[in-house]
Amino acid sequence: MIAFLNNLLSRFLIFLVMIYRYTLSPVMGRHCRYQPTCSQYMIDAIKKYGPYRGTYRGIKRIFRCHPFSKHDHYDPA
């Protein structure tokens, strides 16, 4: 039952990211400095680590994505 709920939550979170990618992202402009993009990183992290840890890692990545960041530009999940 827990695995089913985690899978359902993962699918829902990925769905939300996809909505962002096709609605808000084109309007705001594509300025992600990382490869893969932050939205793709979030999807990959959720698939790899599950809904809780994957979302945490994705949010951490989004907060690192700013012009003054000194991280590498290639940052796989």
Protein backbone atom coordinates (compact mmCIF):
# COMPACT_ATOMS: atom_id res chain seq x y z
CA MET A 1 0.00 0.00 0.00
CA ILE A 2 2.84 2.41 0.86
CA ALA A 3 4.59 1.65 -2.43
CA PHE A 4 1.37 2.36 -4.31
CA LEU A 5 0.96 5.73 -2.55
CA ASN A 6 4.61 6.65 -3.19
CA ASN A 7 4.19 5.77 -6.86
CA LEU A 8 1.00 7.81 -7.07
CA LEU A 9 2.67 10.79 -5.38
CA SER A 10 5.68 10.49 -7.71
CA ARG A 11 3.44 10.53 -10.77
CA PHE A 12 1.54 13.55 -9.44
CA LEU A 13 4.76 15.50 -8.75
CA ILE A 14 6.12 14.68 -12.20
CA PHE A 15 2.79 15.78 -13.67
CA LEU A 16 3.13 19.14 -11.88
CA VAL A 17 6.65 19.59 -13.26
CA MET A 18 5.39 18.78 -16.76
CA ILE A 19 2.64 21.39 -16.40
CA TYR A 20 5.31 23.91 -15.43
CA ARG A 21 7.49 22.93 -18.40
CA TYR A 22 4.73 23.42 -20.95
CA THR A 23 2.99 26.48 -19.48
CA LEU A 24 5.18 28.71 -17.31
CA SER A 25 8.65 27.87 -18.56
CA PRO A 26 8.16 29.21 -22.12
CA VAL A 27 6.61 32.41 -20.76
CA MET A 28 9.38 33.02 -18.21
CA GLY A 29 12.14 32.19 -20.65
CA ARG A 30 14.59 29.34 -20.65
CA HIS A 31 17.52 30.54 -18.62
CA CYS A 32 18.59 27.42 -16.75
CA ARG A 33 22.36 27.38 -16.39
CA TYR A 34 22.60 23.66 -15.71
CA GLN A 35 22.50 20.62 -17.91
CA PRO A 36 20.07 18.84 -17.55
CA THR A 37 17.62 21.64 -16.85
CA CYS A 38 16.22 22.03 -13.35
CA SER A 39 12.83 20.64 -14.34
CA GLN A 40 14.40 17.56 -15.95
CA TYR A 41 16.62 17.16 -12.89
CA MET A 42 13.53 17.21 -10.66
CA ILE A 43 11.85 14.51 -12.76
CA ASP A 44 14.99 12.34 -12.78
CA ALA A 45 15.50 12.78 -9.03
CA ILE A 46 11.90 11.81 -8.25
CA LYS A 47 12.21 8.71 -10.43
CA LYS A 48 15.55 7.73 -8.87
CA TYR A 49 15.06 8.65 -5.20
CA GLY A 50 11.29 8.64 -4.74
CA PRO A 51 8.83 11.47 -4.12
CA TYR A 52 10.22 12.82 -0.85
CA ARG A 53 13.98 12.68 -1.29
CA GLY A 54 13.71 13.44 -5.02
CA THR A 55 11.63 16.55 -4.41
CA TYR A 56 14.08 17.68 -1.74
CA ARG A 57 17.02 17.25 -4.12
CA GLY A 58 15.14 19.05 -6.90
CA ILE A 59 14.30 22.00 -4.69
CA LYS A 60 17.92 22.21 -3.53
CA ARG A 61 18.98 22.30 -7.18
CA ILE A 62 16.51 25.10 -8.00
CA PHE A 63 17.91 27.21 -5.16
CA ARG A 64 21.43 26.70 -6.55
CA CYS A 65 20.38 27.87 -10.01
CA HIS A 66 21.21 31.55 -9.90
CA PRO A 67 23.77 33.77 -11.64
CA PHE A 68 26.19 33.85 -8.68
CA SER A 69 26.44 30.08 -8.29
CA LYS A 70 29.90 28.58 -8.52
CA HIS A 71 28.76 25.01 -9.22
CA ASP A 72 29.52 23.06 -12.37
CA HIS A 73 27.13 23.38 -15.26
CA TYR A 74 26.76 19.62 -15.71
CA ASP A 75 24.95 18.22 -12.68
CA PRO A 76 23.22 14.85 -13.18
CA ALA A 77 20.72 13.52 -10.65
